[in-house]
Amino acid sequence: MMNQPVSVRAYMVPGKRVHLVGIGGVSMCPLAEVLHTMGLEVQGSDMNESAAVLNLRELGIPVVIGHAAENLGGCDFVVRTAAVHDDNPEISGAVARGIPVYERAQAWGAIMQGYANALCISGTHGKTTTSSMCTHIFMAAQKDPTVMIGGTLPLLHSGYRVGHGDTIILESCEYCNSFLSFFPTVAVVLNVEEDHLDFFKDLHDIEHSFRSFAQLVPERGHVIANADDPGAMEALAGIPHLLTFGLDHPADCTAANLTEEDGHPVFDILIHGKPYAHIRLGVYGRHNVSNALAAACAAWSLGLPGTAVEEGLDSFTGAGRRFEFKGSFRGADIYDDYAHHPGELKALLNMAKGLDYRRIIVAFQPHTYSRTQKLFDQFVQELQIPDVAILAEIYAARESNTIGISSADLCRHIPGSIYCSTLDQVTEQLRRLAQPGDLILTVGAGDIYRAGEKLLESEEAPV
């Protein structure tokens, strides 16, 4: 906490001027628009020009590129993204001037207090897909929700919307305990695994964080947990009013009569043994059946009919960068996915193995040096699933490489894998390898998607 004399909610009133540091970020951009809609005077800064920054300027929100203390102007308070540290000149400048500085999660927490229903989707992975499924369901039910998710949803043409209903749906991240600033009335816990070990000490520390998150739910609310995930069940042991979902373990919400049509899961959702909805998913994989059960539990807990779940999930074809089809090159299909944790990789690659492709070629870009080091053996294990693994250099994100680790280290432990120090090299390897009937996956939370896009843009790509 930095220089916070009162709750941020006291400042979030019409006429107050707020400066957002890192305003172009995936959850800062929608925050800027929500605050703008609430009548605040919004301004901000970011390190780079982007489509998000352009959109904010078109709304009349001034954005400066680069960080400097003078960018603060006459703001009343500052909100920063988690990637912005105390030595940022705008943060240190605000502290020197006595301007309150709040975290992004605190601002979102204050916003959700204005809604009767705050549906918060948490977990080590699957958050974006499940939040997107919930959005489709609540839109189908004509609940006009406010939404903030960590990816682009075709239904919204963005990762957020500002609604006028009584429900807000938020993807809720555990990193830096951000979600502990939220006020959930429904908390969904998809899974609890080792991740963000640059912040958490170990799995027990992570489980404690998720338990604290669940304990934020008021008595009238609901906590929803994955009965198939040991970490989730350990973290939430003894939590009252727990509603569980699962495929492999006894649970309150289950999938019955699970089959496939053209590779897409078809099943009935039972809650407390009673039929609730009949589902045909437009996305692949057993993991997405689990995500659908989680979304259905959230809808049921808030009183939505099963018909809304059916309609919403029927129209859901995936979120951006979640097994997103990008195009074809020389008869090979190119998909892009955000997976950057071993658990996500396993789910993605096992799903891909069940599809009708001759070979699976994966171009993977590890995300952060600390995650790569601490989950090294798990990455090695999962990256042996595809027929060919191409390893791009680690995407630094918020870190510096003080560890001295490289994707080349992973490559030495994965038979037949190929190391590429640049994305251009990744693109060339994909061009050399691509054959009819192949599935090419660009995978990672950084900019690996550009390698596939460059391949499709090349002159050899079909017109």
Protein backbone atom coordinates (compact mmCIF):
# COMPACT_ATOMS: atom_id res chain seq x y z
CA MET A 1 0.00 0.00 0.00
CA MET A 2 1.35 3.42 -0.94
CA ASN A 3 0.09 6.77 0.34
CA GLN A 4 -3.56 5.69 0.68
CA PRO A 5 -5.28 7.88 3.29
CA VAL A 6 -8.73 6.53 2.35
CA SER A 7 -10.24 3.79 0.20
CA VAL A 8 -9.94 4.36 -3.53
CA ARG A 9 -13.74 4.30 -3.67
CA ALA A 10 -13.78 7.78 -2.13
CA TYR A 11 -11.96 9.11 -5.19
CA MET A 12 -14.02 7.27 -7.79
CA VAL A 13 -16.67 9.96 -8.19
CA PRO A 14 -17.53 12.25 -11.12
CA GLY A 15 -15.16 15.16 -11.58
CA LYS A 16 -12.12 13.55 -9.96
CA ARG A 17 -9.05 13.28 -12.21
CA VAL A 18 -7.27 9.92 -12.27
CA HIS A 19 -3.93 9.08 -13.90
CA LEU A 20 -3.49 5.45 -14.99
CA VAL A 21 0.11 4.24 -15.27
CA GLY A 22 0.24 1.51 -17.92
CA ILE A 23 -3.13 2.53 -19.30
CA GLY A 24 -2.81 0.37 -22.43
CA GLY A 25 -2.69 -2.89 -20.46
CA VAL A 26 -5.23 -5.67 -20.84
CA SER A 27 -7.17 -4.75 -17.69
CA MET A 28 -6.14 -1.09 -17.44
CA CYS A 29 -7.69 -0.12 -20.77
CA PRO A 30 -11.18 -1.31 -19.75
CA LEU A 31 -10.68 0.27 -16.32
CA ALA A 32 -10.01 3.58 -18.05
CA GLU A 33 -13.20 3.28 -20.07
CA VAL A 34 -15.30 2.28 -17.05
CA LEU A 35 -13.99 5.22 -15.01
CA HIS A 36 -14.58 7.52 -18.00
CA THR A 37 -18.17 6.25 -18.21
CA MET A 38 -18.58 6.94 -14.47
CA GLY A 39 -17.79 10.62 -15.10
CA LEU A 40 -14.18 10.79 -13.94
CA GLU A 41 -11.57 12.75 -15.85
CA VAL A 42 -9.24 10.00 -17.05
CA GLN A 43 -5.69 10.35 -18.35
CA GLY A 44 -2.74 8.00 -18.52
CA SER A 45 0.60 6.87 -19.84
CA ASP A 46 2.04 3.78 -21.46
CA MET A 47 5.38 2.66 -22.83
CA ASN A 48 4.14 1.99 -26.38
CA GLU A 49 1.57 3.05 -28.91
CA SER A 50 -1.09 0.38 -29.44
CA ALA A 51 -4.60 -0.20 -30.71
CA ALA A 52 -5.80 0.07 -27.10
CA VAL A 53 -4.12 3.47 -26.70
CA LEU A 54 -5.63 4.66 -30.00
CA ASN A 55 -9.08 3.55 -28.86
CA LEU A 56 -8.73 5.46 -25.59
CA ARG A 57 -7.71 8.63 -27.41
CA GLU A 58 -10.75 8.29 -29.68
CA LEU A 59 -12.88 8.29 -26.52
CA GLY A 60 -11.28 11.58 -25.51
CA ILE A 61 -8.88 10.08 -22.96
CA PRO A 62 -5.39 11.64 -23.29
CA VAL A 63 -2.50 9.14 -23.26
CA VAL A 64 1.20 10.04 -23.13
CA ILE A 65 3.84 7.60 -24.39
CA GLY A 66 6.67 7.21 -21.89
CA HIS A 67 6.74 7.72 -18.13
CA ALA A 68 7.67 11.02 -16.47
CA ALA A 69 6.57 12.77 -13.29
CA GLU A 70 5.20 15.74 -15.24
CA ASN A 71 2.65 13.42 -16.88
CA LEU A 72 0.70 13.47 -13.61
CA GLY A 73 -0.47 17.04 -14.16
CA GLY A 74 -3.21 17.97 -11.74
CA CYS A 75 -4.52 14.46 -11.07
CA ASP A 76 -6.27 13.66 -7.79
CA PHE A 77 -5.10 10.04 -7.59
CA VAL A 78 -3.07 7.43 -9.47
CA VAL A 79 -3.85 3.83 -10.40
CA ARG A 80 -1.04 1.55 -11.55
CA THR A 81 -0.81 -1.85 -13.13
CA ALA A 82 1.03 -4.64 -11.30
CA ALA A 83 3.93 -4.40 -13.76
CA VAL A 84 4.73 -0.83 -12.63
CA HIS A 85 7.16 -0.66 -9.72
CA ASP A 86 7.81 1.91 -7.01
CA ASP A 87 10.78 3.40 -8.85
CA ASN A 88 8.64 4.40 -11.84
CA PRO A 89 8.97 8.22 -12.09
CA GLU A 90 5.20 8.71 -12.06
CA ILE A 91 4.81 6.61 -8.93
CA SER A 92 7.71 8.23 -7.09
CA GLY A 93 6.51 11.62 -8.33
CA ALA A 94 3.01 11.01 -6.98
CA VAL A 95 4.36 9.92 -3.60
CA ALA A 96 6.57 13.02 -3.41
CA ARG A 97 3.55 15.24 -4.09
CA GLY A 98 1.26 13.39 -1.68
CA ILE A 99 -0.99 12.06 -4.43
CA PRO A 100 -2.58 8.72 -3.42
CA VAL A 101 -1.42 5.69 -5.44
CA TYR A 102 -3.69 2.65 -5.75
CA GLU A 103 -3.34 -0.74 -7.39
CA ARG A 104 -5.43 -1.69 -10.43
CA ALA A 105 -7.10 -4.49 -8.45
CA GLN A 106 -8.20 -2.04 -5.76
CA ALA A 107 -9.94 0.07 -8.39
CA TRP A 108 -11.72 -2.94 -9.85
CA GLY A 109 -12.66 -4.03 -6.35
CA ALA A 110 -14.25 -0.65 -5.69
CA ILE A 111 -16.14 -0.82 -8.97
CA MET A 112 -17.59 -4.27 -8.27
CA GLN A 113 -19.03 -3.06 -4.97
CA GLY A 114 -21.58 -1.19 -7.07
CA TYR A 115 -23.02 -4.45 -8.44
CA ALA A 116 -25.41 -6.86 -6.73
CA ASN A 117 -23.59 -9.80 -8.34
CA ALA A 118 -19.80 -9.90 -8.68
CA LEU A 119 -18.80 -13.11 -10.49
CA CYS A 120 -15.05 -13.60 -10.13
CA ILE A 121 -13.35 -16.40 -12.09
CA SER A 122 -10.02 -17.55 -10.64
CA GLY A 123 -7.56 -20.38 -11.18
CA THR A 124 -4.07 -21.11 -12.41
CA HIS A 125 -5.47 -21.59 -15.92
CA GLY A 126 -8.78 -21.57 -17.78
CA LYS A 127 -9.85 -18.16 -16.45
CA THR A 128 -10.25 -16.40 -19.77
CA THR A 129 -12.20 -19.21 -21.42
CA THR A 130 -14.53 -19.67 -18.44
CA SER A 131 -15.06 -15.92 -18.04
CA SER A 132 -15.87 -15.78 -21.75
CA MET A 133 -18.33 -18.66 -21.43
CA CYS A 134 -20.01 -16.84 -18.52
CA THR A 135 -20.22 -13.70 -20.64
CA HIS A 136 -21.98 -15.59 -23.43
CA ILE A 137 -24.41 -17.12 -20.94
CA PHE A 138 -25.27 -13.85 -19.19
CA MET A 139 -25.62 -12.06 -22.51
CA ALA A 140 -27.97 -14.82 -23.70
CA ALA A 141 -29.99 -14.29 -20.51
CA GLN A 142 -30.15 -10.56 -21.38
CA LYS A 143 -28.54 -9.59 -18.08
CA ASP A 144 -26.47 -6.82 -19.72
CA PRO A 145 -23.33 -7.57 -17.65
CA THR A 146 -20.21 -5.52 -17.24
CA VAL A 147 -17.26 -7.71 -18.24
CA MET A 148 -13.47 -7.69 -17.85
CA ILE A 149 -11.55 -10.65 -19.22
CA GLY A 150 -7.91 -11.21 -20.15
CA GLY A 151 -8.41 -11.80 -23.86
CA THR A 152 -10.40 -10.68 -26.86
CA LEU A 153 -13.88 -12.18 -27.08
CA PRO A 154 -15.40 -12.07 -30.59
CA LEU A 155 -18.85 -11.49 -29.10
CA LEU A 156 -17.60 -8.21 -27.58
CA HIS A 157 -14.95 -7.38 -30.22
CA SER A 158 -12.73 -6.68 -27.19
CA GLY A 159 -11.95 -8.05 -23.75
CA TYR A 160 -14.52 -5.99 -21.90
CA ARG A 161 -17.89 -4.30 -22.00
CA VAL A 162 -19.63 -1.74 -19.82
CA GLY A 163 -23.16 -2.94 -19.14
CA HIS A 164 -26.08 -1.56 -17.18
CA GLY A 165 -27.22 -4.76 -15.45
CA ASP A 166 -26.64 -5.87 -11.88
CA THR A 167 -23.81 -8.32 -12.69
CA ILE A 168 -20.09 -7.82 -13.25
CA ILE A 169 -17.93 -10.70 -14.54
CA LEU A 170 -14.20 -10.46 -13.89
CA GLU A 171 -11.25 -12.67 -14.62
CA SER A 172 -9.48 -12.70 -11.27
CA CYS A 173 -5.73 -13.24 -11.04
CA GLU A 174 -3.87 -14.43 -7.96
CA TYR A 175 -0.54 -12.82 -8.93
CA CYS A 176 0.60 -10.44 -6.17
CA ASN A 177 -2.62 -11.44 -4.36
CA SER A 178 -4.47 -9.04 -6.66
CA PHE A 179 -7.81 -10.80 -6.31
CA LEU A 180 -7.75 -10.24 -2.55
CA SER A 181 -8.75 -6.64 -3.31
CA PHE A 182 -11.99 -7.88 -4.91
CA PHE A 183 -15.48 -8.22 -3.42
CA PRO A 184 -16.86 -11.40 -5.02
CA THR A 185 -20.38 -12.60 -4.40
CA VAL A 186 -19.61 -15.69 -6.53
CA ALA A 187 -16.02 -16.98 -6.53
CA VAL A 188 -15.05 -19.70 -9.01
CA VAL A 189 -11.82 -21.63 -8.42
CA LEU A 190 -10.90 -23.68 -11.50
CA ASN A 191 -7.57 -25.10 -10.34
CA VAL A 192 -4.70 -24.31 -7.99
CA GLU A 193 -1.20 -25.22 -9.16
CA GLU A 194 2.33 -23.93 -8.83
CA ASP A 195 2.76 -20.67 -10.73
CA HIS A 196 3.97 -17.10 -10.19
CA LEU A 197 6.77 -18.44 -8.01
CA ASP A 198 8.53 -15.10 -8.35
CA PHE A 199 5.90 -13.90 -5.86
CA PHE A 200 4.57 -16.97 -4.01
CA LYS A 201 6.89 -19.09 -1.87
CA ASP A 202 5.41 -22.46 -2.81
CA LEU A 203 2.17 -24.33 -3.57
CA HIS A 204 1.04 -24.05 0.04
CA ASP A 205 1.39 -20.26 -0.15
CA ILE A 206 -0.68 -20.26 -3.36
CA GLU A 207 -3.37 -22.43 -1.77
CA HIS A 208 -3.53 -20.03 1.16
CA SER A 209 -4.09 -17.14 -1.25
CA PHE A 210 -6.98 -18.90 -2.99
CA ARG A 211 -8.52 -19.80 0.36
CA SER A 212 -8.36 -16.14 1.41
CA PHE A 213 -10.03 -15.23 -1.88
CA ALA A 214 -12.88 -17.68 -1.27
CA GLN A 215 -13.31 -16.33 2.25
CA LEU A 216 -14.14 -12.91 0.79
CA VAL A 217 -17.49 -14.25 -0.40
CA PRO A 218 -20.35 -13.20 1.89
CA GLU A 219 -22.64 -15.76 3.49
CA ARG A 220 -25.33 -15.11 0.88
CA GLY A 221 -22.84 -15.83 -1.92
CA HIS A 222 -21.38 -18.95 -3.52
CA VAL A 223 -17.95 -20.54 -3.81
CA ILE A 224 -17.59 -22.86 -6.81
CA ALA A 225 -14.69 -25.30 -7.04
CA ASN A 226 -13.31 -27.99 -9.32
CA ALA A 227 -13.69 -31.35 -7.56
CA ASP A 228 -11.20 -32.88 -10.02
CA ASP A 229 -8.38 -30.53 -9.00
CA PRO A 230 -6.44 -31.56 -5.86
CA GLY A 231 -5.05 -28.06 -5.30
CA ALA A 232 -8.48 -26.44 -5.41
CA MET A 233 -10.00 -28.97 -3.03
CA GLU A 234 -7.05 -28.68 -0.63
CA ALA A 235 -7.23 -24.87 -0.68
CA LEU A 236 -10.98 -24.80 -0.05
CA ALA A 237 -11.32 -27.66 2.46
CA GLY A 238 -13.94 -26.74 5.04
CA ILE A 239 -15.21 -23.66 3.17
CA PRO A 240 -18.99 -23.51 3.80
CA HIS A 241 -21.58 -23.49 1.02
CA LEU A 242 -19.13 -24.98 -1.49
CA LEU A 243 -20.63 -25.93 -4.87
CA THR A 244 -18.43 -28.39 -6.77
CA PHE A 245 -18.20 -29.42 -10.41
CA GLY A 246 -16.29 -32.31 -11.90
CA LEU A 247 -15.94 -35.07 -14.44
CA ASP A 248 -13.86 -37.64 -12.58
CA HIS A 249 -14.84 -37.16 -8.93
CA PRO A 250 -18.19 -36.92 -7.14
CA ALA A 251 -19.50 -33.37 -7.51
CA ASP A 252 -22.66 -31.28 -7.25
CA CYS A 253 -22.48 -30.45 -10.97
CA THR A 254 -21.53 -33.14 -13.47
CA ALA A 255 -21.64 -33.97 -17.18
CA ALA A 256 -23.79 -36.96 -18.15
CA ASN A 257 -24.05 -38.77 -21.50
CA LEU A 258 -20.77 -37.23 -22.69
CA THR A 259 -20.15 -37.96 -26.38
CA GLU A 260 -18.65 -36.15 -29.37
CA GLU A 261 -20.06 -34.84 -32.64
CA ASP A 262 -17.37 -33.93 -35.18
CA GLY A 263 -14.94 -33.74 -32.27
CA HIS A 264 -17.10 -31.33 -30.28
CA PRO A 265 -18.27 -32.43 -26.81
CA VAL A 266 -21.99 -33.04 -26.37
CA PHE A 267 -23.39 -33.67 -22.88
CA ASP A 268 -26.07 -33.03 -20.30
CA ILE A 269 -25.38 -30.91 -17.25
CA LEU A 270 -26.78 -32.26 -14.01
CA ILE A 271 -26.84 -30.18 -10.83
CA HIS A 272 -27.65 -32.06 -7.64
CA GLY A 273 -28.67 -34.93 -9.89
CA LYS A 274 -31.30 -32.92 -11.78
CA PRO A 275 -31.07 -32.02 -15.51
CA TYR A 276 -30.14 -28.38 -16.00
CA ALA A 277 -28.98 -28.00 -19.62
CA HIS A 278 -28.07 -29.94 -22.76
CA ILE A 279 -24.82 -28.69 -24.28
CA ARG A 280 -23.04 -28.95 -27.62
CA LEU A 281 -19.77 -27.08 -27.37
CA GLY A 282 -18.23 -25.24 -30.29
CA VAL A 283 -14.76 -25.73 -28.78
CA TYR A 284 -12.72 -28.89 -28.37
CA GLY A 285 -11.35 -30.75 -25.41
CA ARG A 286 -12.26 -32.33 -22.11
CA HIS A 287 -10.82 -29.31 -20.29
CA ASN A 288 -13.45 -27.15 -21.96
CA VAL A 289 -16.19 -29.48 -20.72
CA SER A 290 -14.87 -28.74 -17.23
CA ASN A 291 -14.83 -25.00 -17.96
CA ALA A 292 -18.42 -25.23 -19.21
CA LEU A 293 -19.48 -26.95 -15.98
CA ALA A 294 -17.87 -24.12 -13.98
CA ALA A 295 -19.72 -21.50 -16.04
CA ALA A 296 -22.99 -23.41 -15.66
CA CYS A 297 -22.53 -23.55 -11.88
CA ALA A 298 -22.06 -19.77 -11.82
CA ALA A 299 -25.21 -19.26 -13.89
CA TRP A 300 -27.22 -21.67 -11.73
CA SER A 301 -26.04 -20.03 -8.51
CA LEU A 302 -27.31 -16.68 -9.77
CA GLY A 303 -30.68 -18.04 -10.81
CA LEU A 304 -30.27 -18.22 -14.59
CA PRO A 305 -32.29 -20.85 -16.46
CA GLY A 306 -30.61 -23.76 -18.20
CA THR A 307 -31.86 -22.42 -21.54
CA ALA A 308 -29.53 -19.42 -21.16
CA VAL A 309 -26.62 -21.79 -20.58
CA GLU A 310 -27.58 -23.78 -23.67
CA GLU A 311 -27.91 -20.70 -25.85
CA GLY A 312 -24.80 -19.03 -24.50
CA LEU A 313 -22.50 -22.04 -24.84
CA ASP A 314 -23.93 -22.92 -28.25
CA SER A 315 -22.75 -19.57 -29.58
CA PHE A 316 -19.32 -19.73 -27.89
CA THR A 317 -16.52 -20.52 -30.32
CA GLY A 318 -13.57 -19.56 -28.13
CA ALA A 319 -11.77 -16.46 -26.93
CA GLY A 320 -8.90 -14.77 -28.72
CA ARG A 321 -5.59 -16.66 -28.47
CA ARG A 322 -7.38 -19.73 -27.06
CA PHE A 323 -6.88 -22.32 -29.80
CA GLU A 324 -7.69 -19.55 -32.26
CA PHE A 325 -7.62 -20.50 -35.96
CA LYS A 326 -5.34 -18.11 -37.84
CA GLY A 327 -5.27 -19.58 -41.36
CA SER A 328 -3.66 -22.26 -43.53
CA PHE A 329 -0.23 -22.47 -45.12
CA ARG A 330 0.72 -25.20 -47.61
CA GLY A 331 -2.17 -27.32 -46.38
CA ALA A 332 -1.19 -26.96 -42.70
CA ASP A 333 -3.67 -25.35 -40.30
CA ILE A 334 -2.23 -22.67 -38.02
CA TYR A 335 -3.74 -22.09 -34.58
CA ASP A 336 -2.58 -19.78 -31.80
CA ASP A 337 -2.93 -20.33 -28.05
CA TYR A 338 -2.04 -18.36 -24.93
CA ALA A 339 -0.94 -21.42 -22.89
CA HIS A 340 2.14 -20.55 -20.82
CA HIS A 341 1.90 -22.94 -17.86
CA PRO A 342 2.67 -26.68 -18.02
CA GLY A 343 -0.91 -27.53 -17.04
CA GLU A 344 -2.25 -25.43 -19.89
CA LEU A 345 0.23 -26.97 -22.32
CA LYS A 346 -0.82 -30.46 -21.29
CA ALA A 347 -4.52 -29.71 -21.79
CA LEU A 348 -3.89 -28.03 -25.15
CA LEU A 349 -1.59 -30.70 -26.57
CA ASN A 350 -3.67 -33.64 -25.38
CA MET A 351 -6.71 -32.03 -26.98
CA ALA A 352 -4.74 -31.48 -30.21
CA LYS A 353 -3.67 -35.14 -30.27
CA GLY A 354 -7.33 -36.10 -30.48
CA LEU A 355 -7.84 -34.09 -33.67
CA ASP A 356 -7.41 -35.49 -37.17
CA TYR A 357 -3.97 -34.13 -38.06
CA ARG A 358 -0.94 -35.93 -39.47
CA ARG A 359 1.58 -34.13 -37.25
CA ILE A 360 1.50 -31.58 -34.43
CA ILE A 361 4.17 -28.88 -34.72
CA VAL A 362 4.43 -26.56 -31.72
CA ALA A 363 6.28 -23.27 -31.64
CA PHE A 364 6.45 -22.45 -27.93
CA GLN A 365 7.67 -19.25 -26.30
CA PRO A 366 8.23 -19.59 -22.53
CA HIS A 367 6.92 -16.67 -20.49
CA THR A 368 9.26 -15.17 -17.86
CA TYR A 369 12.60 -16.50 -16.69
CA SER A 370 11.40 -17.37 -13.19
CA ARG A 371 8.50 -19.53 -14.41
CA THR A 372 10.77 -21.33 -16.89
CA GLN A 373 13.34 -22.09 -14.19
CA LYS A 374 10.95 -23.19 -11.44
CA LEU A 375 8.72 -25.33 -13.69
CA PHE A 376 11.56 -26.47 -15.95
CA ASP A 377 11.02 -30.24 -15.65
CA GLN A 378 7.27 -29.91 -16.22
CA PHE A 379 7.83 -27.89 -19.39
CA VAL A 380 10.30 -30.51 -20.63
CA GLN A 381 7.73 -33.25 -20.03
CA GLU A 382 4.83 -31.55 -21.81
CA LEU A 383 6.90 -30.33 -24.75
CA GLN A 384 7.67 -33.92 -25.66
CA ILE A 385 4.00 -34.48 -26.56
CA PRO A 386 4.07 -32.84 -30.04
CA ASP A 387 5.82 -34.38 -33.04
CA VAL A 388 8.04 -31.32 -33.39
CA ALA A 389 8.81 -28.67 -30.77
CA ILE A 390 10.28 -25.32 -31.79
CA LEU A 391 11.43 -23.21 -28.85
CA ALA A 392 11.52 -19.45 -29.17
CA GLU A 393 13.61 -17.47 -26.72
CA ILE A 394 11.97 -16.72 -23.35
CA TYR A 395 9.63 -13.72 -23.30
CA ALA A 396 10.89 -11.49 -20.49
CA ALA A 397 7.62 -9.69 -19.68
CA ARG A 398 8.22 -7.92 -16.35
CA GLU A 399 11.57 -9.58 -15.61
CA SER A 400 15.29 -9.26 -16.29
CA ASN A 401 17.33 -12.40 -16.90
CA THR A 402 19.24 -12.45 -13.64
CA ILE A 403 18.97 -16.27 -13.64
CA GLY A 404 20.94 -16.79 -16.84
CA ILE A 405 18.39 -19.19 -18.33
CA SER A 406 17.46 -19.65 -22.00
CA SER A 407 15.05 -21.68 -24.11
CA ALA A 408 18.21 -23.36 -25.40
CA ASP A 409 18.42 -25.04 -21.97
CA LEU A 410 14.97 -26.54 -22.48
CA CYS A 411 15.92 -27.59 -25.99
CA ARG A 412 18.83 -29.69 -24.72
CA HIS A 413 16.39 -31.81 -22.70
CA ILE A 414 13.73 -32.28 -25.42
CA PRO A 415 14.73 -34.79 -28.12
CA GLY A 416 14.41 -33.44 -31.65
CA SER A 417 13.48 -29.94 -30.55
CA ILE A 418 14.71 -26.81 -32.35
CA TYR A 419 15.92 -23.63 -30.64
CA CYS A 420 15.33 -20.23 -32.29
CA SER A 421 16.77 -17.06 -30.84
CA THR A 422 14.39 -14.78 -32.82
CA LEU A 423 10.79 -14.90 -34.02
CA ASP A 424 11.99 -14.57 -37.62
CA GLN A 425 13.89 -17.83 -37.14
CA VAL A 426 10.72 -19.43 -35.77
CA THR A 427 8.82 -18.35 -38.87
CA GLU A 428 11.52 -19.78 -41.15
CA GLN A 429 11.47 -23.10 -39.30
CA LEU A 430 7.69 -23.28 -39.64
CA ARG A 431 7.96 -22.48 -43.35
CA ARG A 432 10.53 -25.25 -43.79
CA LEU A 433 8.52 -27.84 -41.84
CA ALA A 434 4.92 -27.16 -42.92
CA GLN A 435 3.27 -29.94 -44.90
CA PRO A 436 -0.35 -30.75 -45.82
CA GLY A 437 -2.23 -32.28 -42.91
CA ASP A 438 -0.09 -30.67 -40.21
CA LEU A 439 -1.38 -28.75 -37.21
CA ILE A 440 0.90 -25.81 -36.42
CA LEU A 441 0.47 -24.28 -32.98
CA THR A 442 2.05 -21.00 -31.91
CA VAL A 443 1.89 -21.07 -28.11
CA GLY A 444 2.76 -18.67 -25.30
CA ALA A 445 1.64 -15.51 -23.52
CA GLY A 446 4.12 -13.22 -25.27
CA ASP A 447 4.35 -12.28 -28.95
CA ILE A 448 4.85 -15.77 -30.45
CA TYR A 449 1.61 -15.30 -32.42
CA ARG A 450 3.58 -12.98 -34.70
CA ALA A 451 5.57 -15.93 -36.05
CA GLY A 452 2.42 -17.59 -37.35
CA GLU A 453 1.04 -14.33 -38.67
CA LYS A 454 4.28 -13.62 -40.56
CA LEU A 455 4.09 -17.07 -42.09
CA LEU A 456 0.57 -16.39 -43.33
CA GLU A 457 1.58 -12.96 -44.62
CA SER A 458 4.56 -14.31 -46.56
CA GLU A 459 4.43 -14.46 -50.33
CA GLU A 460 4.36 -18.25 -50.25
CA ALA A 461 1.13 -18.27 -48.28
CA PRO A 462 -2.00 -19.03 -50.33
CA VAL A 463 -3.98 -16.00 -51.41
